[in-house]
C-alpha cells in the first residue's frame, strides 16, 4: 500500500484518468472528491462487504445503470480508517 500525506486542495493522480482530491479535513473526517471516467465504478468499501465485484457489476448492467457510482454528497465525510 502506498501512503501519501496530502493537504486540503491537493490531489493524487492514479493512472491516466483518475484524480483524488482532498476537499475538506475536519477532525477525524476527510472529504475526498474523485474524478474518474464513467466506466470506473466507485464505491465505499463498507458497502461492498460480502459482495463480489463481478456480481455487483452484473446487477447494475442488467438494470441499465451506466452512470458512475458515487456516494451522495451528504455521505462524503466518512471517518478516516486507521
N, C-alpha and C. Protein backbone atom coordinates (compact mmCIF):
# COMPACT_ATOMS: atom_id res chain seq x y z
N UNK A 1 0.85 -1.18 0.00
CA UNK A 1 0.00 0.00 0.00
C UNK A 1 0.90 1.24 0.00
N UNK A 2 0.60 2.15 -0.90
CA UNK A 2 1.29 3.43 -0.94
C UNK A 2 0.56 4.39 0.00
N UNK A 3 1.29 5.06 0.86
CA UNK A 3 0.70 6.01 1.80
C UNK A 3 1.27 7.39 1.50
N UNK A 4 0.38 8.36 1.25
CA UNK A 4 0.79 9.72 0.93
C UNK A 4 0.12 10.69 1.88
N UNK A 5 0.81 11.75 2.23
CA UNK A 5 0.21 12.82 3.03
C UNK A 5 -0.22 13.92 2.07
N UNK A 6 -1.43 14.42 2.23
CA UNK A 6 -1.97 15.48 1.38
C UNK A 6 -2.64 16.51 2.25
N UNK A 7 -2.65 17.76 1.81
CA UNK A 7 -3.36 18.84 2.48
C UNK A 7 -4.62 19.16 1.70
N UNK A 8 -5.52 19.91 2.32
CA UNK A 8 -6.75 20.33 1.65
C UNK A 8 -6.40 21.01 0.33
N UNK A 9 -7.09 20.63 -0.72
CA UNK A 9 -6.88 21.21 -2.04
C UNK A 9 -5.85 20.48 -2.89
N UNK A 10 -5.08 19.57 -2.29
CA UNK A 10 -4.10 18.82 -3.04
C UNK A 10 -4.72 17.56 -3.63
N UNK A 11 -4.11 17.05 -4.70
CA UNK A 11 -4.64 15.89 -5.42
C UNK A 11 -3.63 14.78 -5.55
N UNK A 12 -4.14 13.61 -5.87
CA UNK A 12 -3.35 12.44 -6.22
C UNK A 12 -3.89 11.98 -7.57
N UNK A 13 -3.02 11.71 -8.52
CA UNK A 13 -3.42 11.23 -9.84
C UNK A 13 -3.12 9.73 -9.90
N UNK A 14 -4.10 8.95 -10.34
CA UNK A 14 -3.94 7.50 -10.48
C UNK A 14 -4.13 7.16 -11.95
N UNK A 15 -3.11 6.58 -12.55
CA UNK A 15 -3.19 6.21 -13.97
C UNK A 15 -3.38 7.43 -14.84
N UNK A 16 -4.12 7.25 -15.94
CA UNK A 16 -4.33 8.33 -16.91
C UNK A 16 -5.61 9.11 -16.69
N UNK A 17 -6.53 8.62 -15.85
CA UNK A 17 -7.81 9.30 -15.80
C UNK A 17 -8.47 9.42 -14.45
N UNK A 18 -7.76 9.16 -13.37
CA UNK A 18 -8.39 9.22 -12.05
C UNK A 18 -7.66 10.23 -11.18
N UNK A 19 -8.42 11.19 -10.65
CA UNK A 19 -7.85 12.19 -9.74
C UNK A 19 -8.61 12.12 -8.42
N UNK A 20 -7.87 12.02 -7.33
CA UNK A 20 -8.45 12.01 -5.99
C UNK A 20 -8.00 13.32 -5.34
N UNK A 21 -8.96 14.16 -4.95
CA UNK A 21 -8.65 15.47 -4.39
C UNK A 21 -9.17 15.57 -2.96
N UNK A 22 -8.33 16.08 -2.06
CA UNK A 22 -8.75 16.30 -0.68
C UNK A 22 -9.54 17.60 -0.65
N UNK A 23 -10.82 17.50 -0.28
CA UNK A 23 -11.70 18.65 -0.27
C UNK A 23 -11.80 19.31 1.09
N UNK A 24 -11.82 18.49 2.16
CA UNK A 24 -12.04 19.04 3.49
C UNK A 24 -11.45 18.08 4.52
N UNK A 25 -10.83 18.64 5.54
CA UNK A 25 -10.34 17.87 6.67
C UNK A 25 -10.95 18.50 7.91
N UNK A 26 -11.71 17.69 8.67
CA UNK A 26 -12.41 18.21 9.84
C UNK A 26 -12.34 17.17 10.95
N UNK A 27 -11.43 17.35 11.87
CA UNK A 27 -11.28 16.37 12.96
C UNK A 27 -10.85 15.03 12.39
N UNK A 28 -11.63 14.01 12.67
CA UNK A 28 -11.35 12.65 12.20
C UNK A 28 -11.97 12.33 10.86
N UNK A 29 -12.50 13.33 10.17
CA UNK A 29 -13.16 13.12 8.88
C UNK A 29 -12.38 13.77 7.75
N UNK A 30 -12.34 13.09 6.63
CA UNK A 30 -11.71 13.62 5.43
C UNK A 30 -12.71 13.49 4.29
N UNK A 31 -12.99 14.58 3.59
CA UNK A 31 -13.85 14.55 2.42
C UNK A 31 -12.97 14.54 1.19
N UNK A 32 -13.21 13.58 0.31
CA UNK A 32 -12.43 13.48 -0.92
C UNK A 32 -13.36 13.58 -2.12
N UNK A 33 -12.85 14.15 -3.18
CA UNK A 33 -13.55 14.18 -4.46
C UNK A 33 -12.80 13.26 -5.41
N UNK A 34 -13.54 12.48 -6.18
CA UNK A 34 -12.91 11.55 -7.12
C UNK A 34 -13.43 11.86 -8.51
N UNK A 35 -12.51 12.17 -9.41
CA UNK A 35 -12.84 12.43 -10.80
C UNK A 35 -12.30 11.25 -11.59
N UNK A 36 -13.20 10.48 -12.21
CA UNK A 36 -12.80 9.28 -12.93
C UNK A 36 -13.71 9.08 -14.14
N UNK A 37 -13.25 8.32 -15.12
CA UNK A 37 -14.11 8.01 -16.27
C UNK A 37 -15.37 7.28 -15.81
N UNK A 38 -16.46 7.46 -16.56
CA UNK A 38 -17.75 6.86 -16.20
C UNK A 38 -17.69 5.34 -16.08
N UNK A 39 -16.81 4.69 -16.83
CA UNK A 39 -16.75 3.22 -16.78
C UNK A 39 -16.08 2.69 -15.52
N UNK A 40 -15.51 3.57 -14.71
CA UNK A 40 -14.89 3.17 -13.45
C UNK A 40 -15.94 3.24 -12.35
N UNK A 41 -16.17 2.12 -11.69
CA UNK A 41 -17.12 2.05 -10.58
C UNK A 41 -16.45 2.53 -9.30
N UNK A 42 -17.11 3.43 -8.57
CA UNK A 42 -16.56 3.97 -7.33
C UNK A 42 -17.55 3.68 -6.21
N UNK A 43 -17.11 2.96 -5.20
CA UNK A 43 -17.97 2.59 -4.07
C UNK A 43 -17.19 2.67 -2.77
N UNK A 44 -17.91 2.92 -1.68
CA UNK A 44 -17.28 2.84 -0.36
C UNK A 44 -17.12 1.36 -0.01
N UNK A 45 -15.98 1.00 0.55
CA UNK A 45 -15.66 -0.40 0.83
C UNK A 45 -16.69 -1.06 1.73
N UNK A 46 -17.19 -0.34 2.73
CA UNK A 46 -18.13 -0.97 3.67
C UNK A 46 -19.45 -1.34 3.00
N UNK A 47 -19.77 -0.72 1.88
CA UNK A 47 -20.99 -1.08 1.16
C UNK A 47 -20.82 -2.34 0.33
N UNK A 48 -19.58 -2.71 0.06
CA UNK A 48 -19.30 -3.88 -0.78
C UNK A 48 -18.97 -5.13 0.02
N UNK A 49 -18.86 -5.03 1.33
CA UNK A 49 -18.53 -6.21 2.12
C UNK A 49 -19.57 -7.29 1.89
N UNK A 50 -19.09 -8.48 1.57
CA UNK A 50 -19.98 -9.60 1.32
C UNK A 50 -20.45 -9.69 -0.12
N UNK A 51 -20.12 -8.71 -0.94
CA UNK A 51 -20.49 -8.73 -2.35
C UNK A 51 -19.24 -8.95 -3.18
N UNK A 52 -19.38 -9.73 -4.26
CA UNK A 52 -18.27 -9.90 -5.19
C UNK A 52 -18.38 -8.81 -6.24
N UNK A 53 -17.26 -8.17 -6.63
CA UNK A 53 -17.31 -7.08 -7.60
C UNK A 53 -18.02 -7.47 -8.89
N UNK A 54 -17.78 -8.67 -9.39
CA UNK A 54 -18.42 -9.07 -10.65
C UNK A 54 -19.93 -9.17 -10.51
N UNK A 55 -20.42 -9.61 -9.35
CA UNK A 55 -21.87 -9.71 -9.13
C UNK A 55 -22.50 -8.33 -9.05
N UNK A 56 -21.84 -7.38 -8.41
CA UNK A 56 -22.36 -6.02 -8.31
C UNK A 56 -22.40 -5.36 -9.67
N UNK A 57 -21.37 -5.57 -10.51
CA UNK A 57 -21.34 -5.00 -11.84
C UNK A 57 -22.41 -5.61 -12.73
N UNK A 58 -22.61 -6.94 -12.64
CA UNK A 58 -23.62 -7.60 -13.45
C UNK A 58 -25.01 -7.07 -13.14
N UNK A 59 -25.33 -6.87 -11.86
CA UNK A 59 -26.67 -6.42 -11.49
C UNK A 59 -26.92 -4.99 -11.96
N UNK A 60 -25.89 -4.12 -11.94
CA UNK A 60 -26.09 -2.74 -12.39
C UNK A 60 -26.22 -2.69 -13.90
N UNK A 61 -25.53 -3.57 -14.63
CA UNK A 61 -25.65 -3.60 -16.08
C UNK A 61 -27.03 -4.09 -16.48
N UNK A 62 -27.56 -5.10 -15.77
CA UNK A 62 -28.88 -5.61 -16.07
C UNK A 62 -29.95 -4.55 -15.86
N UNK A 63 -29.75 -3.69 -14.88
CA UNK A 63 -30.72 -2.65 -14.58
C UNK A 63 -30.56 -1.45 -15.52
N UNK A 64 -29.58 -1.50 -16.43
CA UNK A 64 -29.37 -0.41 -17.35
C UNK A 64 -28.64 0.77 -16.72
N UNK A 65 -27.99 0.54 -15.60
CA UNK A 65 -27.28 1.60 -14.89
C UNK A 65 -25.92 1.82 -15.54
N UNK A 66 -25.78 2.93 -16.27
CA UNK A 66 -24.50 3.23 -16.91
C UNK A 66 -23.82 4.42 -16.26
N UNK A 67 -24.40 4.99 -15.21
CA UNK A 67 -23.82 6.14 -14.52
C UNK A 67 -22.68 5.68 -13.62
N UNK A 68 -21.69 6.52 -13.46
CA UNK A 68 -20.62 6.24 -12.50
C UNK A 68 -21.23 6.26 -11.11
N UNK A 69 -20.77 5.36 -10.27
CA UNK A 69 -21.34 5.25 -8.93
C UNK A 69 -20.52 6.08 -7.96
N UNK A 70 -21.20 6.87 -7.15
CA UNK A 70 -20.51 7.67 -6.14
C UNK A 70 -21.44 7.86 -4.96
N UNK A 71 -20.87 8.06 -3.81
CA UNK A 71 -21.66 8.30 -2.61
C UNK A 71 -22.32 9.67 -2.70
N UNK A 72 -23.54 9.81 -2.16
CA UNK A 72 -24.17 11.13 -2.14
C UNK A 72 -23.30 12.12 -1.38
N UNK A 73 -23.41 13.38 -1.71
CA UNK A 73 -22.56 14.40 -1.10
C UNK A 73 -22.69 14.42 0.41
N UNK A 74 -23.89 14.14 0.93
CA UNK A 74 -24.09 14.14 2.38
C UNK A 74 -23.26 13.06 3.06
N UNK A 75 -22.97 11.96 2.34
CA UNK A 75 -22.18 10.86 2.90
C UNK A 75 -20.70 11.01 2.60
N UNK A 76 -20.30 12.14 2.02
CA UNK A 76 -18.92 12.30 1.58
C UNK A 76 -17.93 12.28 2.74
N UNK A 77 -18.34 12.70 3.91
CA UNK A 77 -17.41 12.74 5.04
C UNK A 77 -17.55 11.46 5.86
N UNK A 78 -16.65 10.52 5.64
CA UNK A 78 -16.64 9.27 6.38
C UNK A 78 -15.46 9.29 7.34
N UNK A 79 -15.56 8.60 8.47
CA UNK A 79 -14.42 8.56 9.39
C UNK A 79 -13.18 8.02 8.72
N UNK A 80 -12.06 8.59 9.04
CA UNK A 80 -10.78 8.15 8.48
C UNK A 80 -10.38 6.86 9.17
N UNK A 81 -10.20 5.78 8.40
CA UNK A 81 -9.80 4.48 8.96
C UNK A 81 -8.32 4.52 9.29
N UNK A 82 -7.96 3.92 10.39
CA UNK A 82 -6.54 3.88 10.79
C UNK A 82 -5.96 2.53 10.50
